[in-house]
Every structure is written in structure tokens, then in C-alpha cells.
Amino acid sequence: MKLYLDTSFILAVVIDDAHSENARRRWGSISTGAVVSNLASIEFSAVVSRGVRTKALTNDGARTALDDFDLICASCGSYALSGADFELALRLVRDFSTKLATPDALHLASAINLEASLLTFDARLKEAAEMRGVRVEGLG
């Protein structure tokens, strides 16, 4: 079974936050099938960049976080979003009951198109995924 790792999960593995202990424990139990998208890579990098701008992260801390992210990606499958992901994401955001922003709709569309379970700490994304019949490991 494929496991689609959304950005909230990967952030908690790499950067200390309230979810880190749970995320690191779950990450340690994943043996195969984890997938990270190019969207997660962009989002993760943007969060790290914002951390530097706001002085929550030093340049060295940011480089370490990016290196750690790259190590995670090296042990996972990679997934490049496709036109089908964007089309499904559009349908998801036009369904007002999902309450999804664009990045979360793209994560959900990718998980659906991959026929993967979703690992996330995002409550809104978890709820929308469950509405669509996606198996979710809501870790938060």
C-alpha cells in the first residue's frame, strides 16, 4: 500500500513541533511505499525559507532541515503532479464542502490518483479525504 506523505507530516519529522514525536515514531515504522510529491518539496522549502526570513531558523538550521528533507525523499518514491491531479484538485475546491485550499486539494488529488493512503496532521485535509473514501492516518 502506498503512503502519500503530505507536507505537515514531513515538517513534523524534520522540524521540532508539537507533532514531532508522533511523526518521528510513525516515520520509523514505514518500511516501504512512502511517496513524496514535488508539491511537498516546494511547500517544505517555502516553510524553511519563511523560517529564515522570520528568524525562527538560522541559515545553518535551514540548510540542515533541507538536507534532512532530501534524505527523507531519497528513501521514498517521488511523485510529480500531473494534469489529472490539477483537474481533480479543481473539482475538489469547487466542492465547497471540502473547504480545501489549493495546496491541500492538490495533495488530496495526488493521493486519490495514486490510490494511496494519506499521512497528515491537517484536520481539514483529513476530513476532506475521508469524505472521498481515502484511507487517512490522521496523526494529530
Protein backbone atom coordinates (compact mmCIF):
# COMPACT_ATOMS: atom_id res chain seq x y z
CA MET A 1 0.00 0.00 0.00
CA LYS A 2 1.32 3.42 -0.96
CA LEU A 3 1.50 6.12 1.70
CA TYR A 4 1.29 9.71 0.48
CA LEU A 5 3.18 11.96 2.89
CA ASP A 6 1.80 15.47 2.98
CA THR A 7 3.89 18.46 3.96
CA SER A 8 2.54 18.70 7.51
CA PHE A 9 3.79 15.19 8.21
CA ILE A 10 7.25 15.74 6.76
CA LEU A 11 7.65 19.07 8.54
CA ALA A 12 6.95 17.41 11.87
CA VAL A 13 9.55 14.73 11.16
CA VAL A 14 12.25 17.28 10.30
CA ILE A 15 11.49 20.39 12.37
CA ASP A 16 10.56 20.17 16.06
CA ASP A 17 6.92 20.97 16.73
CA ALA A 18 4.02 19.62 18.77
CA HIS A 19 3.62 16.66 16.38
CA SER A 20 7.27 15.70 16.01
CA GLU A 21 7.36 12.81 18.47
CA ASN A 22 4.34 11.16 16.87
CA ALA A 23 5.60 11.86 13.34
CA ARG A 24 9.07 10.51 14.01
CA ARG A 25 7.66 7.36 15.59
CA ARG A 26 5.41 6.81 12.55
CA TRP A 27 8.25 7.61 10.13
CA GLY A 28 10.41 5.00 11.86
CA SER A 29 7.74 2.35 11.25
CA ILE A 30 7.41 2.97 7.49
CA SER A 31 9.33 0.31 5.63
CA THR A 32 8.17 0.73 2.03
CA GLY A 33 5.65 2.50 -0.12
CA ALA A 34 6.04 6.10 1.06
CA VAL A 35 5.65 8.75 -1.63
CA VAL A 36 6.63 12.43 -1.55
CA SER A 37 5.38 14.80 -4.24
CA ASN A 38 7.12 17.71 -5.85
CA LEU A 39 4.41 19.87 -4.26
CA ALA A 40 5.55 18.77 -0.79
CA SER A 41 9.10 19.65 -1.77
CA ILE A 42 8.10 23.18 -2.76
CA GLU A 43 5.93 23.68 0.32
CA PHE A 44 8.60 22.36 2.67
CA SER A 45 11.22 24.63 1.12
CA ALA A 46 8.89 27.62 1.37
CA VAL A 47 8.28 26.96 5.07
CA VAL A 48 12.02 26.72 5.69
CA SER A 49 12.59 29.94 3.73
CA ARG A 50 9.90 31.69 5.78
CA GLY A 51 11.61 30.41 8.92
CA VAL A 52 14.83 32.11 7.85
CA ARG A 53 13.01 35.36 6.99
CA THR A 54 11.25 35.42 10.35
CA LYS A 55 14.43 34.36 12.17
CA ALA A 56 12.78 31.21 13.51
CA LEU A 57 15.58 29.32 11.70
CA THR A 58 19.20 30.22 11.16
CA ASN A 59 20.74 29.74 7.74
CA ASP A 60 22.58 26.69 9.07
CA GLY A 61 19.39 25.32 10.63
CA ALA A 62 17.57 25.84 7.35
CA ARG A 63 20.28 24.05 5.37
CA THR A 64 20.15 21.16 7.84
CA ALA A 65 16.35 20.97 7.52
CA LEU A 66 16.60 20.91 3.73
CA ASP A 67 19.29 18.22 3.87
CA ASP A 68 17.11 16.15 6.22
CA PHE A 69 14.17 16.59 3.87
CA ASP A 70 16.33 15.39 0.97
CA LEU A 71 17.30 12.29 2.98
CA ILE A 72 13.64 11.51 3.58
CA CYS A 73 12.90 11.95 -0.12
CA ALA A 74 15.79 9.68 -1.05
CA SER A 75 14.16 6.84 0.88
CA CYS A 76 10.72 7.44 -0.65
CA GLY A 77 9.19 7.26 -4.05
CA SER A 78 8.81 10.58 -5.80
CA TYR A 79 5.66 11.81 -7.46
CA ALA A 80 5.36 14.65 -9.95
CA LEU A 81 1.91 16.17 -10.05
CA SER A 82 0.11 15.65 -13.34
CA GLY A 83 -2.61 17.36 -15.27
CA ALA A 84 -5.05 14.81 -13.83
CA ASP A 85 -4.08 15.94 -10.32
CA PHE A 86 -4.81 19.57 -11.19
CA GLU A 87 -8.15 18.65 -12.79
CA LEU A 88 -9.23 16.65 -9.74
CA ALA A 89 -8.00 19.39 -7.38
CA LEU A 90 -10.15 21.89 -9.27
CA ARG A 91 -13.20 19.68 -8.75
CA LEU A 92 -12.31 19.32 -5.07
CA VAL A 93 -12.07 23.07 -4.41
CA ARG A 94 -15.28 23.68 -6.35
CA ASP A 95 -16.97 21.29 -3.93
CA PHE A 96 -17.47 23.78 -1.12
CA SER A 97 -17.99 21.05 1.45
CA THR A 98 -14.28 20.15 1.27
CA LYS A 99 -13.18 23.62 2.45
CA LEU A 100 -9.79 22.97 0.86
CA ALA A 101 -7.16 25.47 -0.17
CA THR A 102 -5.26 24.81 -3.39
CA PRO A 103 -2.22 23.01 -1.94
CA ASP A 104 -4.34 20.67 0.17
CA ALA A 105 -6.63 19.94 -2.77
CA LEU A 106 -3.55 19.03 -4.82
CA HIS A 107 -2.26 16.75 -2.05
CA LEU A 108 -5.63 15.02 -1.83
CA ALA A 109 -5.96 14.71 -5.61
CA SER A 110 -2.49 13.18 -5.78
CA ALA A 111 -3.28 10.66 -3.05
CA ILE A 112 -6.52 9.73 -4.81
CA ASN A 113 -4.86 9.36 -8.21
CA LEU A 114 -2.06 7.28 -6.67
CA GLU A 115 -4.62 5.15 -4.80
CA ALA A 116 -2.56 5.86 -1.69
CA SER A 117 -3.31 6.30 1.98
CA LEU A 118 -2.65 9.80 3.28
CA LEU A 119 -0.47 10.72 6.26
CA THR A 120 -1.31 14.18 7.54
CA PHE A 121 -1.68 16.35 10.63
CA ASP A 122 -4.06 18.68 8.79
CA ALA A 123 -7.58 18.22 10.20
CA ARG A 124 -9.36 19.83 7.23
CA LEU A 125 -7.42 17.72 4.73
CA LYS A 126 -8.13 14.59 6.79
CA GLU A 127 -11.85 15.33 6.81
CA ALA A 128 -11.98 16.03 3.07
CA ALA A 129 -10.01 12.86 2.33
CA GLU A 130 -12.33 10.75 4.43
CA MET A 131 -15.31 12.30 2.60
CA ARG A 132 -13.74 10.96 -0.61
CA GLY A 133 -13.11 7.49 0.78
CA VAL A 134 -9.34 7.92 1.11
CA ARG A 135 -7.73 5.99 3.95
CA VAL A 136 -6.18 8.57 6.25
CA GLU A 137 -3.74 8.30 9.06
CA GLY A 138 -4.72 11.47 10.84
CA LEU A 139 -1.84 11.79 13.17
CA GLY A 140 -2.86 14.90 15.02
